[in-house]
PDB file of N, CA and C in Angstrom:
ATOM      1  N   MET A   1      -8.295   3.277  -2.906  1.00  0.00           N
ATOM      2  CA  MET A   1      -8.186   4.270  -1.877  1.00  0.00           C
ATOM      3  C   MET A   1      -6.703   4.617  -1.737  1.00  0.00           C
ATOM      4  N   THR A   2      -6.369   5.880  -1.915  1.00  0.00           N
ATOM      5  CA  THR A   2      -4.980   6.285  -1.786  1.00  0.00           C
ATOM      6  C   THR A   2      -4.710   7.045  -0.503  1.00  0.00           C
ATOM      7  N   ASP A   3      -5.664   7.797   0.001  1.00  0.00           N
ATOM      8  CA  ASP A   3      -5.512   8.537   1.250  1.00  0.00           C
ATOM      9  C   ASP A   3      -6.567   8.053   2.239  1.00  0.00           C
ATOM     10  N   PHE A   4      -6.177   7.975   3.514  1.00  0.00           N
ATOM     11  CA  PHE A   4      -7.158   7.602   4.519  1.00  0.00           C
ATOM     12  C   PHE A   4      -6.701   8.105   5.879  1.00  0.00           C
ATOM     13  N   ALA A   5      -7.601   8.091   6.826  1.00  0.00           N
ATOM     14  CA  ALA A   5      -7.285   8.479   8.196  1.00  0.00           C
ATOM     15  C   ALA A   5      -7.650   7.314   9.114  1.00  0.00           C
ATOM     16  N   ALA A   6      -6.758   7.022  10.049  1.00  0.00           N
ATOM     17  CA  ALA A   6      -7.021   6.025  11.078  1.00  0.00           C
ATOM     18  C   ALA A   6      -7.313   6.792  12.362  1.00  0.00           C
ATOM     19  N   ILE A   7      -8.430   6.479  13.002  1.00  0.00           N
ATOM     20  CA  ILE A   7      -8.863   7.216  14.180  1.00  0.00           C
ATOM     21  C   ILE A   7      -9.106   6.236  15.326  1.00  0.00           C
ATOM     22  N   ASP A   8      -8.631   6.609  16.514  1.00  0.00           N
ATOM     23  CA  ASP A   8      -8.863   5.789  17.704  1.00  0.00           C
ATOM     24  C   ASP A   8      -9.332   6.679  18.844  1.00  0.00           C
ATOM     25  N   PHE A   9     -10.382   6.258  19.521  1.00  0.00           N
ATOM     26  CA  PHE A   9     -10.902   6.976  20.687  1.00  0.00           C
ATOM     27  C   PHE A   9     -10.611   6.147  21.933  1.00  0.00           C
ATOM     28  N   GLU A  10     -10.099   6.789  22.965  1.00  0.00           N
ATOM     29  CA  GLU A  10      -9.927   6.152  24.267  1.00  0.00           C
ATOM     30  C   GLU A  10     -10.951   6.755  25.204  1.00  0.00           C
ATOM     31  N   THR A  11     -11.535   5.906  26.026  1.00  0.00           N
ATOM     32  CA  THR A  11     -12.524   6.395  26.995  1.00  0.00           C
ATOM     33  C   THR A  11     -11.992   6.188  28.408  1.00  0.00           C
ATOM     34  N   ALA A  12     -12.450   7.036  29.321  1.00  0.00           N
ATOM     35  CA  ALA A  12     -12.012   6.962  30.710  1.00  0.00           C
ATOM     36  C   ALA A  12     -12.682   5.813  31.458  1.00  0.00           C
ATOM     37  N   ASN A  13     -13.860   5.429  30.961  1.00  0.00           N
ATOM     38  CA  ASN A  13     -14.587   4.319  31.576  1.00  0.00           C
ATOM     39  C   ASN A  13     -15.414   3.639  30.495  1.00  0.00           C
ATOM     40  N   GLY A  14     -16.376   2.879  30.862  1.00  0.00           N
ATOM     41  CA  GLY A  14     -17.176   2.146  29.897  1.00  0.00           C
ATOM     42  C   GLY A  14     -18.195   2.972  29.125  1.00  0.00           C
ATOM     43  N   GLN A  15     -18.314   4.241  29.447  1.00  0.00           N
ATOM     44  CA  GLN A  15     -19.301   5.101  28.788  1.00  0.00           C
ATOM     45  C   GLN A  15     -18.716   5.704  27.506  1.00  0.00           C
ATOM     46  N   ARG A  16     -19.455   5.633  26.430  1.00  0.00           N
ATOM     47  CA  ARG A  16     -18.993   6.186  25.155  1.00  0.00           C
ATOM     48  C   ARG A  16     -18.760   7.687  25.214  1.00  0.00           C
ATOM     49  N   SER A  17     -19.418   8.361  26.113  1.00  0.00           N
ATOM     50  CA  SER A  17     -19.289   9.816  26.213  1.00  0.00           C
ATOM     51  C   SER A  17     -18.095  10.245  27.067  1.00  0.00           C
ATOM     52  N   SER A  18     -17.311   9.297  27.564  1.00  0.00           N
ATOM     53  CA  SER A  18     -16.180   9.649  28.432  1.00  0.00           C
ATOM     54  C   SER A  18     -14.856   9.692  27.664  1.00  0.00           C
ATOM     55  N   VAL A  19     -14.905  10.200  26.451  1.00  0.00           N
ATOM     56  CA  VAL A  19     -13.695  10.271  25.622  1.00  0.00           C
ATOM     57  C   VAL A  19     -12.640  11.119  26.323  1.00  0.00           C
ATOM     58  N   CYS A  20     -11.446  10.565  26.495  1.00  0.00           N
ATOM     59  CA  CYS A  20     -10.363  11.296  27.156  1.00  0.00           C
ATOM     60  C   CYS A  20      -9.159  11.477  26.241  1.00  0.00           C
ATOM     61  N   SER A  21      -9.154  10.788  25.108  1.00  0.00           N
ATOM     62  CA  SER A  21      -8.034  10.909  24.186  1.00  0.00           C
ATOM     63  C   SER A  21      -8.485  10.483  22.800  1.00  0.00           C
ATOM     64  N   VAL A  22      -7.995  11.202  21.799  1.00  0.00           N
ATOM     65  CA  VAL A  22      -8.295  10.872  20.407  1.00  0.00           C
ATOM     66  C   VAL A  22      -6.984  10.857  19.647  1.00  0.00           C
ATOM     67  N   GLY A  23      -6.759   9.806  18.897  1.00  0.00           N
ATOM     68  CA  GLY A  23      -5.576   9.721  18.041  1.00  0.00           C
ATOM     69  C   GLY A  23      -5.998   9.679  16.590  1.00  0.00           C
ATOM     70  N   VAL A  24      -5.345  10.490  15.757  1.00  0.00           N
ATOM     71  CA  VAL A  24      -5.661  10.526  14.330  1.00  0.00           C
ATOM     72  C   VAL A  24      -4.354  10.473  13.554  1.00  0.00           C
ATOM     73  N   VAL A  25      -4.287   9.562  12.613  1.00  0.00           N
ATOM     74  CA  VAL A  25      -3.137   9.464  11.727  1.00  0.00           C
ATOM     75  C   VAL A  25      -3.659   9.552  10.303  1.00  0.00           C
ATOM     76  N   VAL A  26      -3.123  10.499   9.532  1.00  0.00           N
ATOM     77  CA  VAL A  26      -3.511  10.656   8.134  1.00  0.00           C
ATOM     78  C   VAL A  26      -2.417  10.038   7.278  1.00  0.00           C
ATOM     79  N   VAL A  27      -2.819   9.155   6.387  1.00  0.00           N
ATOM     80  CA  VAL A  27      -1.882   8.487   5.492  1.00  0.00           C
ATOM     81  C   VAL A  27      -2.160   8.973   4.080  1.00  0.00           C
ATOM     82  N   ARG A  28      -1.127   9.494   3.451  1.00  0.00           N
ATOM     83  CA  ARG A  28      -1.231   9.925   2.054  1.00  0.00           C
ATOM     84  C   ARG A  28      -0.193   9.160   1.264  1.00  0.00           C
ATOM     85  N   ARG A  29      -0.664   8.492   0.263  1.00  0.00           N
ATOM     86  CA  ARG A  29       0.257   7.692  -0.553  1.00  0.00           C
ATOM     87  C   ARG A  29       0.527   8.413  -1.861  1.00  0.00           C
ATOM     88  N   TYR A  30       1.758   8.506  -2.153  1.00  0.00           N
ATOM     89  CA  TYR A  30       2.161   9.166  -3.395  1.00  0.00           C
ATOM     90  C   TYR A  30       2.903   8.160  -4.261  1.00  0.00           C
ATOM     91  N   PHE A  31       2.434   8.038  -5.471  1.00  0.00           N
ATOM     92  CA  PHE A  31       3.076   7.149  -6.425  1.00  0.00           C
ATOM     93  C   PHE A  31       3.765   8.014  -7.462  1.00  0.00           C
ATOM     94  N   GLY A  32       4.976   8.460  -7.143  1.00  0.00           N
ATOM     95  CA  GLY A  32       5.684   9.380  -8.010  1.00  0.00           C
ATOM     96  C   GLY A  32       6.630   8.708  -8.983  1.00  0.00           C
ATOM     97  N   ARG A  33       6.506   7.403  -9.157  1.00  0.00           N
ATOM     98  CA  ARG A  33       7.419   6.723 -10.077  1.00  0.00           C
ATOM     99  C   ARG A  33       7.120   7.126 -11.505  1.00  0.00           C
ATOM    100  N   ARG A  34       8.145   7.473 -12.220  1.00  0.00           N
ATOM    101  CA  ARG A  34       8.012   7.801 -13.644  1.00  0.00           C
ATOM    102  C   ARG A  34       8.546   6.612 -14.433  1.00  0.00           C
ATOM    103  N   LEU A  35       7.644   5.892 -15.048  1.00  0.00           N
ATOM    104  CA  LEU A  35       8.024   4.707 -15.805  1.00  0.00           C
ATOM    105  C   LEU A  35       7.764   4.957 -17.282  1.00  0.00           C
ATOM    106  N   PRO A  36       8.822   4.929 -18.101  1.00  0.00           N
ATOM    107  CA  PRO A  36       8.623   5.181 -19.515  1.00  0.00           C
ATOM    108  C   PRO A  36       7.831   4.074 -20.203  1.00  0.00           C
ATOM    109  N   ASN A  37       7.849   2.895 -19.637  1.00  0.00           N
ATOM    110  CA  ASN A  37       7.192   1.744 -20.239  1.00  0.00           C
ATOM    111  C   ASN A  37       6.425   1.037 -19.136  1.00  0.00           C
ATOM    112  N   HIS A  38       5.141   0.858 -19.299  1.00  0.00           N
ATOM    113  CA  HIS A  38       4.328   0.278 -18.230  1.00  0.00           C
ATOM    114  C   HIS A  38       4.125  -1.224 -18.389  1.00  0.00           C
ATOM    115  N   GLN A  39       5.077  -1.899 -18.948  1.00  0.00           N
ATOM    116  CA  GLN A  39       4.981  -3.346 -19.044  1.00  0.00           C
ATOM    117  C   GLN A  39       5.315  -3.952 -17.692  1.00  0.00           C
ATOM    118  N   LEU A  40       4.785  -5.125 -17.423  1.00  0.00           N
ATOM    119  CA  LEU A  40       4.924  -5.734 -16.115  1.00  0.00           C
ATOM    120  C   LEU A  40       6.379  -5.874 -15.690  1.00  0.00           C
ATOM    121  N   HIS A  41       7.229  -6.349 -16.562  1.00  0.00           N
ATOM    122  CA  HIS A  41       8.622  -6.555 -16.169  1.00  0.00           C
ATOM    123  C   HIS A  41       9.333  -5.234 -15.871  1.00  0.00           C
ATOM    124  N   THR A  42       8.933  -4.147 -16.547  1.00  0.00           N
ATOM    125  CA  THR A  42       9.527  -2.838 -16.293  1.00  0.00           C
ATOM    126  C   THR A  42       9.075  -2.289 -14.940  1.00  0.00           C
ATOM    127  N   VAL A  43       7.784  -2.405 -14.651  1.00  0.00           N
ATOM    128  CA  VAL A  43       7.260  -1.940 -13.367  1.00  0.00           C
ATOM    129  C   VAL A  43       7.864  -2.765 -12.236  1.00  0.00           C
ATOM    130  N   ALA A  44       7.956  -4.071 -12.424  1.00  0.00           N
ATOM    131  CA  ALA A  44       8.529  -4.939 -11.395  1.00  0.00           C
ATOM    132  C   ALA A  44       9.978  -4.550 -11.110  1.00  0.00           C
ATOM    133  N   ALA A  45      10.745  -4.303 -12.131  1.00  0.00           N
ATOM    134  CA  ALA A  45      12.145  -3.908 -11.938  1.00  0.00           C
ATOM    135  C   ALA A  45      12.238  -2.570 -11.214  1.00  0.00           C
ATOM    136  N   ALA A  46      11.371  -1.619 -11.565  1.00  0.00           N
ATOM    137  CA  ALA A  46      11.378  -0.302 -10.916  1.00  0.00           C
ATOM    138  C   ALA A  46      11.001  -0.405  -9.449  1.00  0.00           C
ATOM    139  N   CYS A  47      10.232  -1.432  -9.087  1.00  0.00           N
ATOM    140  CA  CYS A  47       9.824  -1.636  -7.694  1.00  0.00           C
ATOM    141  C   CYS A  47      10.798  -2.536  -6.941  1.00  0.00           C
ATOM    142  N   GLY A  48      11.887  -2.903  -7.589  1.00  0.00           N
ATOM    143  CA  GLY A  48      12.866  -3.761  -6.926  1.00  0.00           C
ATOM    144  C   GLY A  48      12.498  -5.222  -6.921  1.00  0.00           C
ATOM    145  N   CYS A  49      11.632  -5.629  -7.847  1.00  0.00           N
ATOM    146  CA  CYS A  49      11.199  -7.023  -7.941  1.00  0.00           C
ATOM    147  C   CYS A  49      11.464  -7.553  -9.348  1.00  0.00           C
ATOM    148  N   PRO A  50      12.731  -7.691  -9.745  1.00  0.00           N
ATOM    149  CA  PRO A  50      13.001  -8.153 -11.106  1.00  0.00           C
ATOM    150  C   PRO A  50      12.415  -9.543 -11.350  1.00  0.00           C
ATOM    151  N   MET A  51      11.976  -9.749 -12.565  1.00  0.00           N
ATOM    152  CA  MET A  51      11.333 -11.013 -12.929  1.00  0.00           C
ATOM    153  C   MET A  51      12.320 -11.905 -13.667  1.00  0.00           C
ATOM    154  N   GLU A  52      12.299 -13.181 -13.328  1.00  0.00           N
ATOM    155  CA  GLU A  52      13.172 -14.136 -14.007  1.00  0.00           C
ATOM    156  C   GLU A  52      12.428 -14.935 -15.067  1.00  0.00           C
ATOM    157  N   ASN A  53      11.112 -15.021 -14.966  1.00  0.00           N
ATOM    158  CA  ASN A  53      10.348 -15.890 -15.865  1.00  0.00           C
ATOM    159  C   ASN A  53       9.112 -15.151 -16.373  1.00  0.00           C
ATOM    160  N   HIS A  54       9.333 -14.020 -17.040  1.00  0.00           N
ATOM    161  CA  HIS A  54       8.239 -13.199 -17.564  1.00  0.00           C
ATOM    162  C   HIS A  54       7.418 -13.978 -18.588  1.00  0.00           C
ATOM    163  N   HIS A  55       6.136 -13.731 -18.636  1.00  0.00           N
ATOM    164  CA  HIS A  55       5.142 -14.384 -19.506  1.00  0.00           C
ATOM    165  C   HIS A  55       4.839 -15.807 -19.058  1.00  0.00           C
ATOM    166  N   HIS A  56       5.170 -16.133 -17.815  1.00  0.00           N
ATOM    167  CA  HIS A  56       4.730 -17.378 -17.201  1.00  0.00           C
ATOM    168  C   HIS A  56       3.647 -16.955 -16.216  1.00  0.00           C
ATOM    169  N   ALA A  57       2.464 -17.524 -16.315  1.00  0.00           N
ATOM    170  CA  ALA A  57       1.303 -17.039 -15.561  1.00  0.00           C
ATOM    171  C   ALA A  57       1.570 -16.915 -14.065  1.00  0.00           C
ATOM    172  N   LEU A  58       2.161 -17.932 -13.469  1.00  0.00           N
ATOM    173  CA  LEU A  58       2.405 -17.887 -12.035  1.00  0.00           C
ATOM    174  C   LEU A  58       3.444 -16.819 -11.693  1.00  0.00           C
ATOM    175  N   ALA A  59       4.506 -16.720 -12.475  1.00  0.00           N
ATOM    176  CA  ALA A  59       5.543 -15.711 -12.229  1.00  0.00           C
ATOM    177  C   ALA A  59       4.973 -14.310 -12.382  1.00  0.00           C
ATOM    178  N   ASP A  60       4.115 -14.100 -13.380  1.00  0.00           N
ATOM    179  CA  ASP A  60       3.505 -12.786 -13.580  1.00  0.00           C
ATOM    180  C   ASP A  60       2.569 -12.433 -12.419  1.00  0.00           C
ATOM    181  N   ALA A  61       1.795 -13.413 -11.954  1.00  0.00           N
ATOM    182  CA  ALA A  61       0.891 -13.169 -10.829  1.00  0.00           C
ATOM    183  C   ALA A  61       1.685 -12.865  -9.564  1.00  0.00           C
ATOM    184  N   GLU A  62       2.774 -13.574  -9.332  1.00  0.00           N
ATOM    185  CA  GLU A  62       3.617 -13.312  -8.161  1.00  0.00           C
ATOM    186  C   GLU A  62       4.232 -11.921  -8.242  1.00  0.00           C
ATOM    187  N   ALA A  63       4.650 -11.516  -9.437  1.00  0.00           N
ATOM    188  CA  ALA A  63       5.212 -10.173  -9.613  1.00  0.00           C
ATOM    189  C   ALA A  63       4.164  -9.109  -9.307  1.00  0.00           C
ATOM    190  N   CYS A  64       2.944  -9.313  -9.756  1.00  0.00           N
ATOM    191  CA  CYS A  64       1.865  -8.358  -9.463  1.00  0.00           C
ATOM    192  C   CYS A  64       1.638  -8.263  -7.955  1.00  0.00           C
ATOM    193  N   ALA A  65       1.664  -9.397  -7.287  1.00  0.00           N
ATOM    194  CA  ALA A  65       1.463  -9.395  -5.829  1.00  0.00           C
ATOM    195  C   ALA A  65       2.611  -8.655  -5.136  1.00  0.00           C
ATOM    196  N   ARG A  66       3.842  -8.892  -5.561  1.00  0.00           N
ATOM    197  CA  ARG A  66       4.993  -8.198  -4.940  1.00  0.00           C
ATOM    198  C   ARG A  66       4.921  -6.704  -5.177  1.00  0.00           C
ATOM    199  N   ILE A  67       4.512  -6.298  -6.385  1.00  0.00           N
ATOM    200  CA  ILE A  67       4.377  -4.871  -6.693  1.00  0.00           C
ATOM    201  C   ILE A  67       3.307  -4.240  -5.804  1.00  0.00           C
ATOM    202  N   ALA A  68       2.163  -4.906  -5.687  1.00  0.00           N
ATOM    203  CA  ALA A  68       1.072  -4.379  -4.854  1.00  0.00           C
ATOM    204  C   ALA A  68       1.514  -4.247  -3.403  1.00  0.00           C
ATOM    205  N   LEU A  69       2.188  -5.251  -2.868  1.00  0.00           N
ATOM    206  CA  LEU A  69       2.662  -5.187  -1.489  1.00  0.00           C
ATOM    207  C   LEU A  69       3.670  -4.057  -1.303  1.00  0.00           C
ATOM    208  N   ARG A  70       4.500  -3.859  -2.291  1.00  0.00           N
ATOM    209  CA  ARG A  70       5.506  -2.801  -2.211  1.00  0.00           C
ATOM    210  C   ARG A  70       4.853  -1.412  -2.230  1.00  0.00           C
ATOM    211  N   LEU A  71       3.828  -1.243  -3.060  1.00  0.00           N
ATOM    212  CA  LEU A  71       3.186   0.057  -3.216  1.00  0.00           C
ATOM    213  C   LEU A  71       2.158   0.336  -2.127  1.00  0.00           C
ATOM    214  N   LEU A  72       1.567  -0.709  -1.582  1.00  0.00           N
ATOM    215  CA  LEU A  72       0.546  -0.509  -0.563  1.00  0.00           C
ATOM    216  C   LEU A  72       1.160  -0.611   0.803  1.00  0.00           C
TER     217      LEU A  72
END
C-alpha cells in the first residue's frame, strides 16, 4: 500500500449520528530514488544506512529492516 487516507469522526455525544467533526489526512508516498544498481548495499547506502558486513545474513536482514523503516 503506497497511498492511504486516515479518517477520524468526532461525535457530539454517544450517538453515532451526532457527527460534529471529520478529519481526513491523505498520505501519498513517493519513491523517487534513482538507483543505478539495485543491490542491497547500494540501496542501503542511498537510504543513509551504509553496510559494514555485507553478505552476512544478520547484517543483510538488519539493513533491509532499516531501509523499510526509512521508506515507510
